[in-house]
Amino acid sequence: MNKAHPFMEGNGRSTRIWLGLILKKQLQRCVDWSQISKTNYMNAMIISAVDSSELLKLIKYAITKDINSREMYMKGIDYSYYYEEN
């Protein structure tokens, strides 16, 4: 998804939404974004265009079955803004 989105701005948000929908629908899982530091996430996103293994490691570490939790949903929104702050 990061490669398919033609603009740098919005790639993170687009990718997180897309990934969240796939994980929830296909695997009954979601990502607890609070488990992934901003620095690690941003670095992994930058290199993901050529090597997505670091991003995959971060996501695997933060995967949870807590897909119906309102708190988990709100964390996802909060961290989406946090990751995009300068």
PDB file of N, CA and C in Angstrom:
ATOM      1  N   MET A   1       0.828  -1.195   0.000  1.00  0.00           N
ATOM      2  CA  MET A   1       0.000   0.000   0.000  1.00  0.00           C
ATOM      3  C   MET A   1       0.870   1.256   0.000  1.00  0.00           C
ATOM      4  N   ASN A   2       1.972   1.202   0.704  1.00  0.00           N
ATOM      5  CA  ASN A   2       2.862   2.356   0.766  1.00  0.00           C
ATOM      6  C   ASN A   2       3.384   2.706  -0.624  1.00  0.00           C
ATOM      7  N   LYS A   3       3.673   1.704  -1.432  1.00  0.00           N
ATOM      8  CA  LYS A   3       4.140   1.946  -2.802  1.00  0.00           C
ATOM      9  C   LYS A   3       3.002   2.422  -3.707  1.00  0.00           C
ATOM     10  N   ALA A   4       1.823   1.920  -3.494  1.00  0.00           N
ATOM     11  CA  ALA A   4       0.695   2.234  -4.371  1.00  0.00           C
ATOM     12  C   ALA A   4       0.166   3.651  -4.172  1.00  0.00           C
ATOM     13  N   HIS A   5       0.298   4.178  -2.980  1.00  0.00           N
ATOM     14  CA  HIS A   5      -0.197   5.526  -2.695  1.00  0.00           C
ATOM     15  C   HIS A   5       0.788   6.518  -3.294  1.00  0.00           C
ATOM     16  N   PRO A   6       0.367   7.376  -4.221  1.00  0.00           N
ATOM     17  CA  PRO A   6       1.315   8.200  -4.992  1.00  0.00           C
ATOM     18  C   PRO A   6       1.929   9.378  -4.248  1.00  0.00           C
ATOM     19  N   PHE A   7       1.461   9.691  -3.055  1.00  0.00           N
ATOM     20  CA  PHE A   7       1.974  10.851  -2.335  1.00  0.00           C
ATOM     21  C   PHE A   7       2.529  10.437  -0.984  1.00  0.00           C
ATOM     22  N   MET A   8       3.573  11.124  -0.550  1.00  0.00           N
ATOM     23  CA  MET A   8       4.156  10.799   0.748  1.00  0.00           C
ATOM     24  C   MET A   8       3.172  11.149   1.866  1.00  0.00           C
ATOM     25  N   GLU A   9       2.535  12.298   1.774  1.00  0.00           N
ATOM     26  CA  GLU A   9       1.558  12.729   2.781  1.00  0.00           C
ATOM     27  C   GLU A   9       0.342  11.798   2.728  1.00  0.00           C
ATOM     28  N   GLY A  10       0.015  11.219   3.845  1.00  0.00           N
ATOM     29  CA  GLY A  10      -1.165  10.363   3.916  1.00  0.00           C
ATOM     30  C   GLY A  10      -0.866   8.887   3.761  1.00  0.00           C
ATOM     31  N   ASN A  11       0.359   8.518   3.400  1.00  0.00           N
ATOM     32  CA  ASN A  11       0.688   7.103   3.252  1.00  0.00           C
ATOM     33  C   ASN A  11       0.481   6.334   4.541  1.00  0.00           C
ATOM     34  N   GLY A  12       0.947   6.881   5.641  1.00  0.00           N
ATOM     35  CA  GLY A  12       0.816   6.187   6.919  1.00  0.00           C
ATOM     36  C   GLY A  12      -0.624   5.956   7.300  1.00  0.00           C
ATOM     37  N   ARG A  13      -1.428   7.004   7.202  1.00  0.00           N
ATOM     38  CA  ARG A  13      -2.850   6.869   7.546  1.00  0.00           C
ATOM     39  C   ARG A  13      -3.534   5.870   6.619  1.00  0.00           C
ATOM     40  N   SER A  14      -3.292   5.986   5.328  1.00  0.00           N
ATOM     41  CA  SER A  14      -3.907   5.070   4.360  1.00  0.00           C
ATOM     42  C   SER A  14      -3.511   3.630   4.635  1.00  0.00           C
ATOM     43  N   THR A  15      -2.232   3.422   4.889  1.00  0.00           N
ATOM     44  CA  THR A  15      -1.730   2.072   5.144  1.00  0.00           C
ATOM     45  C   THR A  15      -2.311   1.496   6.422  1.00  0.00           C
ATOM     46  N   ARG A  16      -2.380   2.296   7.477  1.00  0.00           N
ATOM     47  CA  ARG A  16      -2.922   1.792   8.747  1.00  0.00           C
ATOM     48  C   ARG A  16      -4.404   1.440   8.621  1.00  0.00           C
ATOM     49  N   ILE A  17      -5.175   2.246   7.918  1.00  0.00           N
ATOM     50  CA  ILE A  17      -6.605   1.953   7.723  1.00  0.00           C
ATOM     51  C   ILE A  17      -6.767   0.669   6.913  1.00  0.00           C
ATOM     52  N   TRP A  18      -6.050   0.585   5.809  1.00  0.00           N
ATOM     53  CA  TRP A  18      -6.109  -0.589   4.923  1.00  0.00           C
ATOM     54  C   TRP A  18      -5.703  -1.847   5.683  1.00  0.00           C
ATOM     55  N   LEU A  19      -4.581  -1.780   6.393  1.00  0.00           N
ATOM     56  CA  LEU A  19      -4.103  -2.926   7.151  1.00  0.00           C
ATOM     57  C   LEU A  19      -5.100  -3.321   8.236  1.00  0.00           C
ATOM     58  N   GLY A  20      -5.635  -2.334   8.930  1.00  0.00           N
ATOM     59  CA  GLY A  20      -6.605  -2.617   9.981  1.00  0.00           C
ATOM     60  C   GLY A  20      -7.822  -3.364   9.467  1.00  0.00           C
ATOM     61  N   LEU A  21      -8.325  -2.948   8.319  1.00  0.00           N
ATOM     62  CA  LEU A  21      -9.494  -3.618   7.733  1.00  0.00           C
ATOM     63  C   LEU A  21      -9.181  -5.053   7.325  1.00  0.00           C
ATOM     64  N   ILE A  22      -8.029  -5.250   6.719  1.00  0.00           N
ATOM     65  CA  ILE A  22      -7.639  -6.602   6.300  1.00  0.00           C
ATOM     66  C   ILE A  22      -7.447  -7.510   7.513  1.00  0.00           C
ATOM     67  N   LEU A  23      -6.696  -7.034   8.502  1.00  0.00           N
ATOM     68  CA  LEU A  23      -6.442  -7.861   9.683  1.00  0.00           C
ATOM     69  C   LEU A  23      -7.729  -8.236  10.400  1.00  0.00           C
ATOM     70  N   LYS A  24      -8.611  -7.273  10.554  1.00  0.00           N
ATOM     71  CA  LYS A  24      -9.860  -7.545  11.277  1.00  0.00           C
ATOM     72  C   LYS A  24     -10.743  -8.518  10.497  1.00  0.00           C
ATOM     73  N   LYS A  25     -10.873  -8.296   9.217  1.00  0.00           N
ATOM     74  CA  LYS A  25     -11.763  -9.134   8.403  1.00  0.00           C
ATOM     75  C   LYS A  25     -11.199 -10.540   8.179  1.00  0.00           C
ATOM     76  N   GLN A  26      -9.926 -10.622   7.849  1.00  0.00           N
ATOM     77  CA  GLN A  26      -9.340 -11.912   7.479  1.00  0.00           C
ATOM     78  C   GLN A  26      -8.808 -12.733   8.653  1.00  0.00           C
ATOM     79  N   LEU A  27      -8.259 -12.054   9.670  1.00  0.00           N
ATOM     80  CA  LEU A  27      -7.585 -12.775  10.749  1.00  0.00           C
ATOM     81  C   LEU A  27      -8.181 -12.559  12.135  1.00  0.00           C
ATOM     82  N   GLN A  28      -9.189 -11.691  12.219  1.00  0.00           N
ATOM     83  CA  GLN A  28      -9.778 -11.368  13.529  1.00  0.00           C
ATOM     84  C   GLN A  28      -8.708 -10.857  14.492  1.00  0.00           C
ATOM     85  N   ARG A  29      -7.852  -9.970  13.985  1.00  0.00           N
ATOM     86  CA  ARG A  29      -6.770  -9.364  14.756  1.00  0.00           C
ATOM     87  C   ARG A  29      -6.745  -7.866  14.469  1.00  0.00           C
ATOM     88  N   CYS A  30      -6.031  -7.135  15.298  1.00  0.00           N
ATOM     89  CA  CYS A  30      -5.769  -5.725  15.027  1.00  0.00           C
ATOM     90  C   CYS A  30      -4.405  -5.371  15.609  1.00  0.00           C
ATOM     91  N   VAL A  31      -3.933  -4.187  15.280  1.00  0.00           N
ATOM     92  CA  VAL A  31      -2.634  -3.738  15.770  1.00  0.00           C
ATOM     93  C   VAL A  31      -2.855  -2.784  16.936  1.00  0.00           C
ATOM     94  N   ASP A  32      -2.147  -3.044  18.021  1.00  0.00           N
ATOM     95  CA  ASP A  32      -2.139  -2.113  19.148  1.00  0.00           C
ATOM     96  C   ASP A  32      -1.015  -1.125  18.859  1.00  0.00           C
ATOM     97  N   TRP A  33      -1.363  -0.030  18.203  1.00  0.00           N
ATOM     98  CA  TRP A  33      -0.375   0.944  17.745  1.00  0.00           C
ATOM     99  C   TRP A  33       0.403   1.572  18.888  1.00  0.00           C
ATOM    100  N   SER A  34      -0.124   1.513  20.106  1.00  0.00           N
ATOM    101  CA  SER A  34       0.594   2.086  21.244  1.00  0.00           C
ATOM    102  C   SER A  34       1.843   1.275  21.583  1.00  0.00           C
ATOM    103  N   GLN A  35       1.966   0.086  21.017  1.00  0.00           N
ATOM    104  CA  GLN A  35       3.133  -0.764  21.246  1.00  0.00           C
ATOM    105  C   GLN A  35       4.277  -0.470  20.268  1.00  0.00           C
ATOM    106  N   ILE A  36       4.053   0.445  19.323  1.00  0.00           N
ATOM    107  CA  ILE A  36       5.059   0.746  18.304  1.00  0.00           C
ATOM    108  C   ILE A  36       5.471   2.207  18.437  1.00  0.00           C
ATOM    109  N   SER A  37       6.737   2.437  18.722  1.00  0.00           N
ATOM    110  CA  SER A  37       7.204   3.815  18.896  1.00  0.00           C
ATOM    111  C   SER A  37       7.160   4.576  17.568  1.00  0.00           C
ATOM    112  N   LYS A  38       6.987   5.863  17.688  1.00  0.00           N
ATOM    113  CA  LYS A  38       6.914   6.721  16.505  1.00  0.00           C
ATOM    114  C   LYS A  38       8.195   6.625  15.678  1.00  0.00           C
ATOM    115  N   THR A  39       9.332   6.675  16.334  1.00  0.00           N
ATOM    116  CA  THR A  39      10.616   6.621  15.620  1.00  0.00           C
ATOM    117  C   THR A  39      10.765   5.309  14.866  1.00  0.00           C
ATOM    118  N   ASN A  40      10.492   4.205  15.534  1.00  0.00           N
ATOM    119  CA  ASN A  40      10.597   2.902  14.871  1.00  0.00           C
ATOM    120  C   ASN A  40       9.614   2.781  13.710  1.00  0.00           C
ATOM    121  N   TYR A  41       8.394   3.246  13.920  1.00  0.00           N
ATOM    122  CA  TYR A  41       7.379   3.178  12.870  1.00  0.00           C
ATOM    123  C   TYR A  41       7.778   4.020  11.662  1.00  0.00           C
ATOM    124  N   MET A  42       8.201   5.255  11.907  1.00  0.00           N
ATOM    125  CA  MET A  42       8.552   6.144  10.798  1.00  0.00           C
ATOM    126  C   MET A  42       9.747   5.597  10.024  1.00  0.00           C
ATOM    127  N   ASN A  43      10.747   5.093  10.720  1.00  0.00           N
ATOM    128  CA  ASN A  43      11.903   4.506  10.036  1.00  0.00           C
ATOM    129  C   ASN A  43      11.502   3.290   9.204  1.00  0.00           C
ATOM    130  N   ALA A  44      10.650   2.444   9.767  1.00  0.00           N
ATOM    131  CA  ALA A  44      10.188   1.254   9.049  1.00  0.00           C
ATOM    132  C   ALA A  44       9.361   1.635   7.821  1.00  0.00           C
ATOM    133  N   MET A  45       8.534   2.677   7.945  1.00  0.00           N
ATOM    134  CA  MET A  45       7.735   3.132   6.794  1.00  0.00           C
ATOM    135  C   MET A  45       8.636   3.658   5.682  1.00  0.00           C
ATOM    136  N   ILE A  46       9.682   4.382   6.040  1.00  0.00           N
ATOM    137  CA  ILE A  46      10.586   4.939   5.032  1.00  0.00           C
ATOM    138  C   ILE A  46      11.243   3.826   4.231  1.00  0.00           C
ATOM    139  N   ILE A  47      11.741   2.815   4.915  1.00  0.00           N
ATOM    140  CA  ILE A  47      12.432   1.754   4.179  1.00  0.00           C
ATOM    141  C   ILE A  47      11.494   0.699   3.602  1.00  0.00           C
ATOM    142  N   SER A  48      10.221   0.758   3.957  1.00  0.00           N
ATOM    143  CA  SER A  48       9.281  -0.274   3.504  1.00  0.00           C
ATOM    144  C   SER A  48       9.093  -0.283   1.990  1.00  0.00           C
ATOM    145  N   ALA A  49       9.434   0.802   1.331  1.00  0.00           N
ATOM    146  CA  ALA A  49       9.316   0.820  -0.133  1.00  0.00           C
ATOM    147  C   ALA A  49      10.281  -0.174  -0.780  1.00  0.00           C
ATOM    148  N   VAL A  50      11.374  -0.484  -0.104  1.00  0.00           N
ATOM    149  CA  VAL A  50      12.340  -1.444  -0.651  1.00  0.00           C
ATOM    150  C   VAL A  50      12.467  -2.707   0.199  1.00  0.00           C
ATOM    151  N   ASP A  51      12.117  -2.603   1.492  1.00  0.00           N
ATOM    152  CA  ASP A  51      12.223  -3.759   2.389  1.00  0.00           C
ATOM    153  C   ASP A  51      11.189  -3.604   3.506  1.00  0.00           C
ATOM    154  N   SER A  52      10.168  -4.408   3.455  1.00  0.00           N
ATOM    155  CA  SER A  52       9.084  -4.279   4.430  1.00  0.00           C
ATOM    156  C   SER A  52       9.287  -5.145   5.672  1.00  0.00           C
ATOM    157  N   SER A  53      10.422  -5.821   5.787  1.00  0.00           N
ATOM    158  CA  SER A  53      10.624  -6.749   6.905  1.00  0.00           C
ATOM    159  C   SER A  53      10.620  -6.049   8.265  1.00  0.00           C
ATOM    160  N   GLU A  54      11.166  -4.854   8.348  1.00  0.00           N
ATOM    161  CA  GLU A  54      11.187  -4.142   9.630  1.00  0.00           C
ATOM    162  C   GLU A  54       9.774  -3.745  10.058  1.00  0.00           C
ATOM    163  N   LEU A  55       8.982  -3.278   9.114  1.00  0.00           N
ATOM    164  CA  LEU A  55       7.592  -2.924   9.390  1.00  0.00           C
ATOM    165  C   LEU A  55       6.816  -4.167   9.833  1.00  0.00           C
ATOM    166  N   LEU A  56       7.046  -5.265   9.169  1.00  0.00           N
ATOM    167  CA  LEU A  56       6.382  -6.518   9.522  1.00  0.00           C
ATOM    168  C   LEU A  56       6.737  -6.949  10.948  1.00  0.00           C
ATOM    169  N   LYS A  57       8.002  -6.804  11.327  1.00  0.00           N
ATOM    170  CA  LYS A  57       8.421  -7.148  12.697  1.00  0.00           C
ATOM    171  C   LYS A  57       7.679  -6.307  13.726  1.00  0.00           C
ATOM    172  N   LEU A  58       7.585  -5.005  13.464  1.00  0.00           N
ATOM    173  CA  LEU A  58       6.900  -4.109  14.401  1.00  0.00           C
ATOM    174  C   LEU A  58       5.432  -4.486  14.545  1.00  0.00           C
ATOM    175  N   ILE A  59       4.797  -4.764  13.437  1.00  0.00           N
ATOM    176  CA  ILE A  59       3.374  -5.095  13.446  1.00  0.00           C
ATOM    177  C   ILE A  59       3.136  -6.437  14.139  1.00  0.00           C
ATOM    178  N   LYS A  60       3.960  -7.423  13.838  1.00  0.00           N
ATOM    179  CA  LYS A  60       3.809  -8.730  14.491  1.00  0.00           C
ATOM    180  C   LYS A  60       3.902  -8.612  16.006  1.00  0.00           C
ATOM    181  N   TYR A  61       4.795  -7.760  16.474  1.00  0.00           N
ATOM    182  CA  TYR A  61       4.970  -7.554  17.912  1.00  0.00           C
ATOM    183  C   TYR A  61       3.713  -6.959  18.547  1.00  0.00           C
ATOM    184  N   ALA A  62       2.989  -6.135  17.795  1.00  0.00           N
ATOM    185  CA  ALA A  62       1.863  -5.379  18.352  1.00  0.00           C
ATOM    186  C   ALA A  62       0.492  -5.958  18.012  1.00  0.00           C
ATOM    187  N   ILE A  63       0.439  -7.108  17.393  1.00  0.00           N
ATOM    188  CA  ILE A  63      -0.835  -7.731  17.011  1.00  0.00           C
ATOM    189  C   ILE A  63      -1.602  -8.182  18.254  1.00  0.00           C
ATOM    190  N   THR A  64      -2.907  -7.983  18.229  1.00  0.00           N
ATOM    191  CA  THR A  64      -3.761  -8.395  19.345  1.00  0.00           C
ATOM    192  C   THR A  64      -5.077  -8.966  18.818  1.00  0.00           C
ATOM    193  N   LYS A  65      -5.731  -9.752  19.633  1.00  0.00           N
ATOM    194  CA  LYS A  65      -7.057 -10.298  19.304  1.00  0.00           C
ATOM    195  C   LYS A  65      -8.171  -9.374  19.784  1.00  0.00           C
ATOM    196  N   ASP A  66      -7.819  -8.287  20.407  1.00  0.00           N
ATOM    197  CA  ASP A  66      -8.770  -7.373  21.050  1.00  0.00           C
ATOM    198  C   ASP A  66      -9.464  -6.470  20.020  1.00  0.00           C
ATOM    199  N   ILE A  67     -10.130  -7.075  19.036  1.00  0.00           N
ATOM    200  CA  ILE A  67     -10.669  -6.310  17.906  1.00  0.00           C
ATOM    201  C   ILE A  67     -11.962  -5.557  18.213  1.00  0.00           C
ATOM    202  N   ASN A  68     -12.640  -5.910  19.255  1.00  0.00           N
ATOM    203  CA  ASN A  68     -13.911  -5.243  19.561  1.00  0.00           C
ATOM    204  C   ASN A  68     -13.809  -4.240  20.704  1.00  0.00           C
ATOM    205  N   SER A  69     -12.591  -3.951  21.124  1.00  0.00           N
ATOM    206  CA  SER A  69     -12.369  -3.033  22.233  1.00  0.00           C
ATOM    207  C   SER A  69     -12.455  -1.581  21.764  1.00  0.00           C
ATOM    208  N   ARG A  70     -13.291  -0.816  22.420  1.00  0.00           N
ATOM    209  CA  ARG A  70     -13.397   0.616  22.111  1.00  0.00           C
ATOM    210  C   ARG A  70     -12.071   1.308  22.411  1.00  0.00           C
ATOM    211  N   GLU A  71     -11.418   0.898  23.494  1.00  0.00           N
ATOM    212  CA  GLU A  71     -10.129   1.484  23.863  1.00  0.00           C
ATOM    213  C   GLU A  71      -9.082   1.244  22.766  1.00  0.00           C
ATOM    214  N   MET A  72      -9.047   0.039  22.223  1.00  0.00           N
ATOM    215  CA  MET A  72      -8.093  -0.278  21.157  1.00  0.00           C
ATOM    216  C   MET A  72      -8.387   0.562  19.920  1.00  0.00           C
ATOM    217  N   TYR A  73      -9.654   0.713  19.600  1.00  0.00           N
ATOM    218  CA  TYR A  73     -10.071   1.527  18.455  1.00  0.00           C
ATOM    219  C   TYR A  73      -9.619   2.982  18.642  1.00  0.00           C
ATOM    220  N   MET A  74      -9.839   3.517  19.831  1.00  0.00           N
ATOM    221  CA  MET A  74      -9.457   4.903  20.111  1.00  0.00           C
ATOM    222  C   MET A  74      -7.940   5.075  20.110  1.00  0.00           C
ATOM    223  N   LYS A  75      -7.204   4.088  20.596  1.00  0.00           N
ATOM    224  CA  LYS A  75      -5.742   4.134  20.534  1.00  0.00           C
ATOM    225  C   LYS A  75      -5.285   4.260  19.082  1.00  0.00           C
ATOM    226  N   GLY A  76      -5.929   3.516  18.203  1.00  0.00           N
ATOM    227  CA  GLY A  76      -5.580   3.566  16.781  1.00  0.00           C
ATOM    228  C   GLY A  76      -5.739   4.967  16.223  1.00  0.00           C
ATOM    229  N   ILE A  77      -6.809   5.639  16.594  1.00  0.00           N
ATOM    230  CA  ILE A  77      -7.042   7.013  16.132  1.00  0.00           C
ATOM    231  C   ILE A  77      -6.006   7.952  16.741  1.00  0.00           C
ATOM    232  N   ASP A  78      -5.806   7.847  18.050  1.00  0.00           N
ATOM    233  CA  ASP A  78      -4.821   8.708  18.720  1.00  0.00           C
ATOM    234  C   ASP A  78      -3.434   8.547  18.118  1.00  0.00           C
ATOM    235  N   TYR A  79      -3.013   7.319  17.911  1.00  0.00           N
ATOM    236  CA  TYR A  79      -1.676   7.081  17.380  1.00  0.00           C
ATOM    237  C   TYR A  79      -1.564   7.489  15.916  1.00  0.00           C
ATOM    238  N   SER A  80      -2.661   7.451  15.193  1.00  0.00           N
ATOM    239  CA  SER A  80      -2.618   7.920  13.816  1.00  0.00           C
ATOM    240  C   SER A  80      -2.215   9.384  13.752  1.00  0.00           C
ATOM    241  N   TYR A  81      -2.777  10.175  14.637  1.00  0.00           N
ATOM    242  CA  TYR A  81      -2.397  11.598  14.695  1.00  0.00           C
ATOM    243  C   TYR A  81      -0.970  11.763  15.229  1.00  0.00           C
ATOM    244  N   TYR A  82      -0.635  10.979  16.238  1.00  0.00           N
ATOM    245  CA  TYR A  82       0.689  11.059  16.849  1.00  0.00           C
ATOM    246  C   TYR A  82       1.794  10.744  15.832  1.00  0.00           C
ATOM    247  N   TYR A  83       1.610   9.716  15.035  1.00  0.00           N
ATOM    248  CA  TYR A  83       2.620   9.345  14.039  1.00  0.00           C
ATOM    249  C   TYR A  83       2.794  10.432  12.981  1.00  0.00           C
ATOM    250  N   GLU A  84       1.753  11.166  12.690  1.00  0.00           N
ATOM    251  CA  GLU A  84       1.812  12.165  11.619  1.00  0.00           C
ATOM    252  C   GLU A  84       2.290  13.536  12.100  1.00  0.00           C
ATOM    253  N   GLU A  85       2.414  13.728  13.415  1.00  0.00           N
ATOM    254  CA  GLU A  85       2.901  15.019  13.936  1.00  0.00           C
ATOM    255  C   GLU A  85       4.359  15.217  13.563  1.00  0.00           C
ATOM    256  N   ASN A  86       4.728  16.466  13.376  1.00  0.00           N
ATOM    257  CA  ASN A  86       6.151  16.772  13.120  1.00  0.00           C
ATOM    258  C   ASN A  86       6.867  17.045  14.393  1.00  0.00           C
TER     259      ASN A  86
END
